[in-house]
């Protein structure tokens, strides 16, 4: 009889890349949804309130959801990085953007700070590594990305 409480360690595998990639995709999606929500709220006010209260409430929920998702992670890393702490200082407290979001009736007003809030969400996503920063390059089977770049330059020169 085994005294181990868990599964045999030799049969357990964990693929951190796959898990991180999935989480990063979800966080990036939340940030993009919040951005679309902010644009929706702005359009609502520009067009003179052509949408209903339920749609505005859903948009506000997407804004808050993204902030809540990033808030604790920023707090964790904030003690090590001033840029994280700077975002938290804008978000937290009675006069912070998260509290303002809870108090603001987005059906009646489009707050000045909403654009900065979206910028903060994007900056937090980039700083935490959830938003893709970079570019993808096609790699040929017989070489690496550097080889394909060199071949592209040569092809351009011969045209």
Protein backbone atom coordinates (compact mmCIF):
# COMPACT_ATOMS: atom_id res chain seq x y z
CA UNK A 1 0.00 0.00 0.00
CA UNK A 2 1.37 3.42 -0.99
CA UNK A 3 1.68 6.27 1.49
CA UNK A 4 1.59 8.88 -1.27
CA UNK A 5 -1.48 11.15 -1.30
CA UNK A 6 -1.12 12.20 -4.93
CA UNK A 7 -0.47 10.61 -8.27
CA UNK A 8 2.89 9.09 -9.08
CA UNK A 9 5.18 12.06 -9.89
CA UNK A 10 6.70 10.27 -12.86
CA UNK A 11 3.33 10.22 -14.67
CA UNK A 12 2.42 13.88 -14.11
CA UNK A 13 3.43 16.42 -16.71
CA UNK A 14 2.74 20.10 -16.85
CA UNK A 15 3.04 22.11 -20.04
CA UNK A 16 3.55 25.65 -18.81
CA UNK A 17 3.78 27.18 -22.26
CA UNK A 18 0.39 25.88 -23.29
CA UNK A 19 -1.21 27.05 -20.03
CA UNK A 20 0.41 30.50 -20.23
CA UNK A 21 -0.55 30.85 -23.86
CA UNK A 22 -4.18 30.09 -23.04
CA UNK A 23 -4.24 32.53 -20.12
CA UNK A 24 -2.52 35.23 -22.16
CA UNK A 25 -5.12 34.78 -24.89
CA UNK A 26 -7.97 35.17 -22.41
CA UNK A 27 -6.43 38.28 -20.84
CA UNK A 28 -5.73 39.81 -24.25
CA UNK A 29 -9.34 39.09 -25.23
CA UNK A 30 -10.60 40.82 -22.05
CA UNK A 31 -8.48 43.88 -22.81
CA UNK A 32 -9.67 44.03 -26.40
CA UNK A 33 -13.30 43.59 -25.27
CA UNK A 34 -12.85 46.47 -22.81
CA UNK A 35 -11.42 48.63 -25.60
CA UNK A 36 -14.40 47.84 -27.81
CA UNK A 37 -16.72 48.61 -24.88
CA UNK A 38 -15.12 52.03 -24.36
CA UNK A 39 -15.47 52.78 -28.08
CA UNK A 40 -19.11 51.67 -27.91
CA UNK A 41 -19.78 54.02 -24.98
CA UNK A 42 -18.13 56.90 -26.82
CA UNK A 43 -20.23 56.21 -29.95
CA UNK A 44 -23.35 56.05 -27.80
CA UNK A 45 -22.74 59.60 -26.60
CA UNK A 46 -21.68 60.94 -30.00
CA UNK A 47 -24.83 59.53 -31.60
CA UNK A 48 -27.09 60.89 -28.90
CA UNK A 49 -28.03 57.75 -26.99
CA UNK A 50 -29.23 55.38 -29.71
CA UNK A 51 -28.63 52.26 -27.59
CA UNK A 52 -30.41 50.89 -24.54
CA UNK A 53 -29.31 50.81 -20.90
CA UNK A 54 -28.63 47.05 -20.99
CA UNK A 55 -26.01 47.50 -23.73
CA UNK A 56 -24.27 50.25 -21.79
CA UNK A 57 -24.32 48.13 -18.61
CA UNK A 58 -22.74 45.23 -20.52
CA UNK A 59 -20.05 47.55 -21.87
CA UNK A 60 -19.33 48.85 -18.36
CA UNK A 61 -19.09 45.25 -17.14
CA UNK A 62 -16.46 44.46 -19.77
CA UNK A 63 -14.42 47.47 -18.61
CA UNK A 64 -14.59 46.41 -14.97
CA UNK A 65 -13.87 42.76 -15.78
CA UNK A 66 -10.61 43.62 -17.52
CA UNK A 67 -9.53 45.90 -14.67
CA UNK A 68 -10.31 43.28 -12.02
CA UNK A 69 -8.38 40.68 -13.97
CA UNK A 70 -5.24 42.81 -14.11
CA UNK A 71 -5.51 44.59 -10.75
CA UNK A 72 -4.19 41.79 -8.51
CA UNK A 73 -1.36 40.94 -10.88
CA UNK A 74 -0.29 44.57 -10.99
CA UNK A 75 -0.40 44.64 -7.19
CA UNK A 76 1.78 41.55 -6.97
CA UNK A 77 4.42 42.97 -9.29
CA UNK A 78 3.93 46.57 -8.14
CA UNK A 79 6.28 46.15 -5.23
CA UNK A 80 9.05 45.34 -7.74
CA UNK A 81 8.25 47.75 -10.55
CA UNK A 82 7.35 51.44 -10.37
CA UNK A 83 5.43 51.35 -13.65
CA UNK A 84 3.03 48.73 -12.27
CA UNK A 85 2.60 50.79 -9.13
CA UNK A 86 1.91 53.91 -11.19
CA UNK A 87 -1.04 52.18 -12.89
CA UNK A 88 -2.33 50.90 -9.54
CA UNK A 89 -2.16 54.40 -8.09
CA UNK A 90 -4.46 55.58 -10.89
CA UNK A 91 -6.86 52.65 -10.45
CA UNK A 92 -7.22 52.19 -6.70
CA UNK A 93 -8.63 54.27 -3.88
CA UNK A 94 -11.79 56.33 -3.52
CA UNK A 95 -10.78 58.58 -6.40
CA UNK A 96 -9.25 55.80 -8.51
CA UNK A 97 -10.54 54.86 -11.92
CA UNK A 98 -12.07 51.58 -10.74
CA UNK A 99 -14.12 53.40 -8.08
CA UNK A 100 -15.05 56.08 -10.62
CA UNK A 101 -16.19 53.38 -13.02
CA UNK A 102 -18.48 51.97 -10.33
CA UNK A 103 -19.92 55.41 -9.54
CA UNK A 104 -20.27 56.76 -13.08
CA UNK A 105 -23.54 56.44 -14.94
CA UNK A 106 -22.15 55.70 -18.40
CA UNK A 107 -25.65 55.99 -19.84
CA UNK A 108 -25.62 59.70 -19.01
CA UNK A 109 -21.95 60.66 -19.31
CA UNK A 110 -18.77 59.82 -21.14
CA UNK A 111 -15.99 60.47 -18.58
CA UNK A 112 -12.75 62.16 -19.62
CA UNK A 113 -10.65 59.53 -17.83
CA UNK A 114 -12.06 56.58 -19.81
CA UNK A 115 -9.50 56.87 -22.63
CA UNK A 116 -6.65 56.91 -20.11
CA UNK A 117 -8.16 53.90 -18.39
CA UNK A 118 -8.07 51.98 -21.68
CA UNK A 119 -4.46 53.05 -22.22
CA UNK A 120 -3.67 51.76 -18.72
CA UNK A 121 -5.30 48.42 -19.53
CA UNK A 122 -3.19 48.07 -22.66
CA UNK A 123 -0.02 49.16 -20.89
CA UNK A 124 -0.67 46.70 -18.07
CA UNK A 125 -1.28 43.91 -20.58
CA UNK A 126 1.97 44.72 -22.35
CA UNK A 127 3.98 45.03 -19.14
CA UNK A 128 2.62 41.75 -17.80
CA UNK A 129 3.38 40.06 -21.11
CA UNK A 130 -0.19 39.18 -22.07
CA UNK A 131 -0.45 41.29 -25.19
CA UNK A 132 1.64 40.20 -28.09
CA UNK A 133 4.48 42.56 -28.80
CA UNK A 134 6.38 41.65 -31.90
CA UNK A 135 5.72 40.03 -35.19
CA UNK A 136 5.48 36.59 -36.67
CA UNK A 137 7.68 35.57 -39.52
CA UNK A 138 7.30 32.61 -41.78
CA UNK A 139 10.17 30.18 -41.34
CA UNK A 140 11.06 27.97 -44.26
CA UNK A 141 11.65 24.28 -43.60
CA UNK A 142 15.28 24.52 -44.65
CA UNK A 143 16.22 27.64 -42.68
CA UNK A 144 15.37 30.07 -39.96
CA UNK A 145 13.77 33.51 -39.94
CA UNK A 146 17.10 35.21 -40.57
CA UNK A 147 17.61 33.13 -43.72
CA UNK A 148 14.17 34.06 -45.04
CA UNK A 149 14.89 37.77 -44.39
CA UNK A 150 18.14 37.57 -46.30
CA UNK A 151 16.35 35.84 -49.20
CA UNK A 152 13.67 38.56 -49.20
CA UNK A 153 16.35 41.27 -49.47
CA UNK A 154 18.08 39.43 -52.30
CA UNK A 155 14.77 38.98 -54.13
CA UNK A 156 14.03 42.71 -53.79
CA UNK A 157 17.45 43.60 -55.18
CA UNK A 158 16.93 41.44 -58.27
CA UNK A 159 13.56 42.95 -59.17
